[in-house]
Amino acid sequence: MGTFTIPLKRVIELTGGTTDVVGGSTVLTGGNIGLASYPIFDESYRSVLTGKIIDHFWNREIGLETIDMFQLAMRRKMNEIMPYYNKLYKSELIEYGPLSTVNIKTVANANGTQSGESSGTSDSTSNATGSSRSVSSDTPQTQLQGNADYATSATDVSSVSTNAANGTQSGSETQTTEQDTTSETTGYQGAASDLIMRYRESLLNIDMLVIGQLEDCFMQVWDNGDEYTNGRLYC
């Protein structure tokens, strides 16, 4: 029984709720203590957090005069604090190595295509003209031609030659290059012991932070069982 108000377990009973221990965690079925609709980062975690809150305050007396006022206080408090604590819960889900301070990855891709064409035309023409005379003479007997000299015999040879050449040359060349390079640097800088200490300092018990925020909804005076008034005061 409560001395000043009623304990949380009585609130659960009066609102039609029951509790069971499943897998070491308290599970609330039914009832209404103001924890049915607060924002939560993962809906599957609602029952876990609610169970821890119930276990922590199970025998604590509510800090308000009526159950309705207590339900409002719990609902209001959770709606106010959980948007912030949900971000803390999500940050705790990020996995990282406490001894990893350097993680640099470089990826380089290079693709190139080079092409060229060449063409050429050549033309050449040559003309050659030649003449020769072969003369033999024992005694001048016969006139060669007109007023020309005399000789026994003579042979005149003349030649004309023409050479023409032309040519066309063309070519093309295509060159393609591809290069993929990946480099990665991981590890840590500094003393490993310092990194471990910083990791330990970053650890948070977020569930207990939430529970601590709910202390205002419960009595801050512990009952030791002593009577506060004389039973015969009004006799």
Protein backbone atom coordinates (compact mmCIF):
# COMPACT_ATOMS: atom_id res chain seq x y z
CA MET A 1 0.00 0.00 0.00
CA GLY A 2 1.11 3.53 -0.65
CA THR A 3 1.65 6.09 2.03
CA PHE A 4 1.19 9.29 0.06
CA THR A 5 -0.44 8.14 -3.21
CA ILE A 6 -0.44 4.68 -4.83
CA PRO A 7 2.46 2.69 -6.34
CA LEU A 8 2.85 2.15 -10.07
CA LYS A 9 1.89 -1.54 -9.82
CA ARG A 10 -1.47 -0.47 -8.37
CA VAL A 11 -2.04 1.96 -11.24
CA ILE A 12 -1.54 -0.92 -13.68
CA GLU A 13 -4.05 -3.06 -11.80
CA LEU A 14 -6.67 -0.30 -11.57
CA THR A 15 -6.44 0.41 -15.31
CA GLY A 16 -6.96 -3.25 -16.19
CA GLY A 17 -3.38 -4.14 -17.01
CA THR A 18 -1.24 -7.18 -16.25
CA THR A 19 2.48 -7.82 -16.44
CA ASP A 20 4.44 -10.92 -17.31
CA VAL A 21 8.15 -11.66 -17.45
CA VAL A 22 9.15 -12.94 -20.89
CA GLY A 23 12.77 -13.71 -21.59
CA GLY A 24 13.86 -11.73 -18.56
CA SER A 25 11.93 -8.61 -19.57
CA THR A 26 8.66 -7.31 -18.19
CA VAL A 27 5.85 -7.17 -20.75
CA LEU A 28 2.77 -5.02 -20.10
CA THR A 29 -0.57 -6.26 -21.40
CA GLY A 30 -3.47 -3.82 -21.37
CA GLY A 31 -3.59 -1.11 -18.76
CA ASN A 32 -2.77 2.56 -19.23
CA ILE A 33 0.16 4.32 -17.59
CA GLY A 34 0.65 6.87 -20.38
CA LEU A 35 3.23 4.87 -22.35
CA ALA A 36 1.11 3.61 -25.23
CA SER A 37 1.86 6.20 -27.92
CA TYR A 38 5.15 8.00 -27.28
CA PRO A 39 7.43 8.34 -30.36
CA ILE A 40 10.01 5.56 -30.62
CA PHE A 41 12.84 5.04 -33.10
CA ASP A 42 11.86 1.37 -33.58
CA GLU A 43 8.36 0.17 -32.77
CA SER A 44 9.69 -3.25 -31.78
CA TYR A 45 11.68 -1.58 -28.98
CA ARG A 46 8.63 0.04 -27.36
CA SER A 47 7.78 -2.97 -25.22
CA VAL A 48 11.42 -3.32 -24.13
CA LEU A 49 11.70 0.29 -22.94
CA THR A 50 8.25 0.26 -21.36
CA GLY A 51 9.15 -2.92 -19.48
CA LYS A 52 12.33 -1.33 -18.09
CA ILE A 53 10.36 1.72 -16.95
CA ILE A 54 7.83 -0.48 -15.16
CA ASP A 55 10.55 -2.54 -13.46
CA HIS A 56 12.37 0.58 -12.29
CA PHE A 57 9.31 2.31 -10.80
CA TRP A 58 7.28 -0.79 -9.89
CA ASN A 59 7.09 -0.04 -6.16
CA ARG A 60 7.40 3.74 -6.45
CA GLU A 61 4.40 5.90 -5.66
CA ILE A 62 3.09 8.15 -8.41
CA GLY A 63 3.81 11.83 -7.89
CA LEU A 64 0.35 13.13 -8.71
CA GLU A 65 -3.00 13.05 -6.96
CA THR A 66 -4.97 11.03 -9.51
CA ILE A 67 -4.32 8.36 -12.09
CA ASP A 68 -5.56 10.64 -14.88
CA MET A 69 -3.05 13.31 -13.90
CA PHE A 70 -0.29 10.69 -13.73
CA GLN A 71 -1.14 9.33 -17.18
CA LEU A 72 -1.03 12.85 -18.63
CA ALA A 73 2.30 13.60 -16.95
CA MET A 74 3.89 10.40 -18.29
CA ARG A 75 2.52 10.90 -21.81
CA ARG A 76 3.57 14.56 -21.89
CA LYS A 77 7.06 13.82 -20.62
CA MET A 78 7.72 11.02 -23.12
CA ASN A 79 6.43 13.10 -26.03
CA GLU A 80 8.77 15.91 -25.00
CA ILE A 81 11.97 13.93 -24.50
CA MET A 82 11.80 11.07 -26.98
CA PRO A 83 12.45 13.04 -30.23
CA TYR A 84 15.92 13.79 -28.81
CA TYR A 85 16.56 10.36 -27.33
CA ASN A 86 15.42 8.65 -30.53
CA LYS A 87 18.37 10.32 -32.27
CA LEU A 88 20.68 8.96 -29.59
CA TYR A 89 19.25 5.48 -30.10
CA LYS A 90 19.82 5.74 -33.87
CA SER A 91 23.38 6.95 -33.37
CA GLU A 92 24.07 3.89 -31.22
CA LEU A 93 23.14 1.69 -34.19
CA ILE A 94 26.03 3.05 -36.25
CA GLU A 95 28.80 0.47 -36.29
CA TYR A 96 32.39 1.66 -36.33
CA GLY A 97 35.80 0.52 -35.19
CA PRO A 98 37.10 2.39 -32.13
CA LEU A 99 40.64 1.89 -33.40
CA SER A 100 39.92 3.15 -36.90
CA THR A 101 40.67 6.83 -37.48
CA VAL A 102 41.80 6.69 -41.10
CA ASN A 103 39.70 5.28 -43.90
CA ILE A 104 40.55 6.79 -47.26
CA LYS A 105 39.54 5.17 -50.51
CA THR A 106 40.52 6.55 -53.90
CA VAL A 107 39.03 5.31 -57.15
CA ALA A 108 40.32 6.60 -60.50
CA ASN A 109 38.94 5.71 -63.92
CA ALA A 110 40.55 6.88 -67.14
CA ASN A 111 39.27 6.15 -70.63
CA GLY A 112 40.72 7.59 -73.83
CA THR A 113 40.39 7.14 -77.55
CA GLN A 114 42.86 8.50 -80.08
CA SER A 115 42.34 8.27 -83.82
CA GLY A 116 44.12 9.62 -86.89
CA GLU A 117 43.89 9.46 -90.68
CA SER A 118 46.49 10.11 -93.34
CA SER A 119 46.29 10.34 -97.15
CA GLY A 120 48.67 11.35 -99.93
CA THR A 121 48.82 11.65 -103.72
CA SER A 122 51.94 11.74 -105.88
CA ASP A 123 52.28 12.51 -109.62
CA SER A 124 55.47 12.44 -111.65
CA THR A 125 56.23 12.89 -115.40
CA SER A 126 59.59 12.60 -117.21
CA ASN A 127 60.54 13.21 -120.87
CA ALA A 128 63.74 12.10 -122.50
CA THR A 129 64.97 12.88 -126.06
CA GLY A 130 68.14 11.51 -127.59
CA SER A 131 69.87 11.29 -130.96
CA SER A 132 73.09 9.73 -132.19
CA ARG A 133 75.02 9.31 -135.47
CA SER A 134 77.40 6.61 -136.39
CA VAL A 135 79.64 7.37 -139.40
CA SER A 136 82.20 5.15 -141.13
CA SER A 137 84.34 6.34 -143.95
CA ASP A 138 86.98 4.68 -146.01
CA THR A 139 87.15 7.40 -148.62
CA PRO A 140 84.58 10.08 -149.16
CA GLN A 141 82.44 8.75 -151.88
CA THR A 142 78.84 9.53 -151.05
CA GLN A 143 77.40 12.75 -149.80
CA LEU A 144 75.50 12.12 -146.63
CA GLN A 145 72.80 14.76 -146.89
CA GLY A 146 72.64 18.01 -148.72
CA ASN A 147 75.87 19.85 -148.13
CA ALA A 148 76.94 17.47 -145.45
CA ASP A 149 80.20 15.65 -145.36
CA TYR A 150 80.98 12.56 -147.37
CA ALA A 151 81.35 9.14 -145.96
CA THR A 152 81.14 5.54 -146.86
CA SER A 153 78.10 4.97 -144.59
CA ALA A 154 76.29 6.69 -141.77
CA THR A 155 73.56 5.72 -139.28
CA ASP A 156 71.38 8.25 -137.56
CA VAL A 157 69.46 7.17 -134.41
CA SER A 158 66.98 9.36 -132.56
CA SER A 159 64.77 8.44 -129.58
CA VAL A 160 62.05 10.10 -127.54
CA SER A 161 60.65 8.61 -124.30
CA THR A 162 58.01 9.83 -121.91
CA ASN A 163 57.42 8.35 -118.40
CA ALA A 164 54.40 9.26 -116.28
CA ALA A 165 53.59 7.89 -112.78
CA ASN A 166 50.98 8.71 -110.21
CA GLY A 167 50.04 7.12 -106.90
CA THR A 168 47.58 7.53 -104.01
CA GLN A 169 48.16 6.40 -100.41
CA SER A 170 45.73 6.58 -97.46
CA GLY A 171 45.58 5.09 -93.97
CA SER A 172 43.77 5.38 -90.60
CA GLU A 173 44.67 4.44 -87.01
CA THR A 174 42.56 4.22 -83.81
CA GLN A 175 43.95 3.65 -80.29
CA THR A 176 41.83 3.12 -77.14
CA THR A 177 43.16 3.11 -73.56
CA GLU A 178 41.36 2.18 -70.30
CA GLN A 179 42.72 2.42 -66.77
CA ASP A 180 41.08 1.61 -63.42
CA THR A 181 42.95 2.28 -60.19
CA THR A 182 41.74 1.76 -56.62
CA SER A 183 43.71 2.51 -53.48
CA GLU A 184 42.57 2.28 -49.86
CA THR A 185 44.25 3.37 -46.64
CA THR A 186 42.89 2.27 -43.26
CA GLY A 187 44.22 2.23 -39.74
CA TYR A 188 44.58 4.65 -36.86
CA GLN A 189 46.78 7.51 -35.80
CA GLY A 190 47.80 8.17 -32.23
CA ALA A 191 47.99 5.92 -29.19
CA ALA A 192 45.59 2.98 -29.12
CA SER A 193 44.98 3.45 -25.39
CA ASP A 194 43.77 7.02 -25.95
CA LEU A 195 41.35 5.84 -28.64
CA ILE A 196 39.96 3.16 -26.34
CA MET A 197 39.44 5.67 -23.52
CA ARG A 198 37.59 8.02 -25.90
CA TYR A 199 35.44 5.09 -27.04
CA ARG A 200 34.54 4.23 -23.45
CA GLU A 201 33.57 7.84 -22.77
CA SER A 202 31.19 7.78 -25.75
CA LEU A 203 29.22 4.79 -24.45
CA LEU A 204 25.71 5.71 -23.28
CA ASN A 205 23.02 3.85 -21.36
CA ILE A 206 20.16 5.62 -23.14
CA ASP A 207 17.46 3.58 -21.39
CA MET A 208 18.60 4.88 -18.01
CA LEU A 209 18.75 8.43 -19.36
CA VAL A 210 15.09 8.15 -20.33
CA ILE A 211 14.17 6.61 -16.98
CA GLY A 212 15.95 9.43 -15.17
CA GLN A 213 13.78 11.95 -16.99
CA LEU A 214 10.65 10.29 -15.56
CA GLU A 215 11.65 10.74 -11.92
CA ASP A 216 9.49 13.89 -11.68
CA CYS A 217 6.37 11.77 -12.27
CA PHE A 218 6.95 9.83 -9.03
CA MET A 219 7.24 10.69 -5.37
CA GLN A 220 10.71 11.72 -4.29
CA VAL A 221 10.09 10.67 -0.66
CA TRP A 222 10.70 7.06 0.30
CA ASP A 223 8.37 5.44 2.85
CA ASN A 224 10.00 3.54 5.70
CA GLY A 225 6.73 2.11 7.04
CA ASP A 226 6.42 4.44 10.04
CA GLU A 227 3.06 6.03 10.86
CA TYR A 228 2.89 9.74 10.25
CA THR A 229 -0.08 10.41 12.51
CA ASN A 230 -1.33 9.14 15.88
CA GLY A 231 -4.15 6.70 15.37
CA ARG A 232 -5.99 8.23 18.41
CA LEU A 233 -5.62 11.80 17.19
CA TYR A 234 -9.30 12.16 16.44
CA CYS A 235 -10.60 10.06 19.33
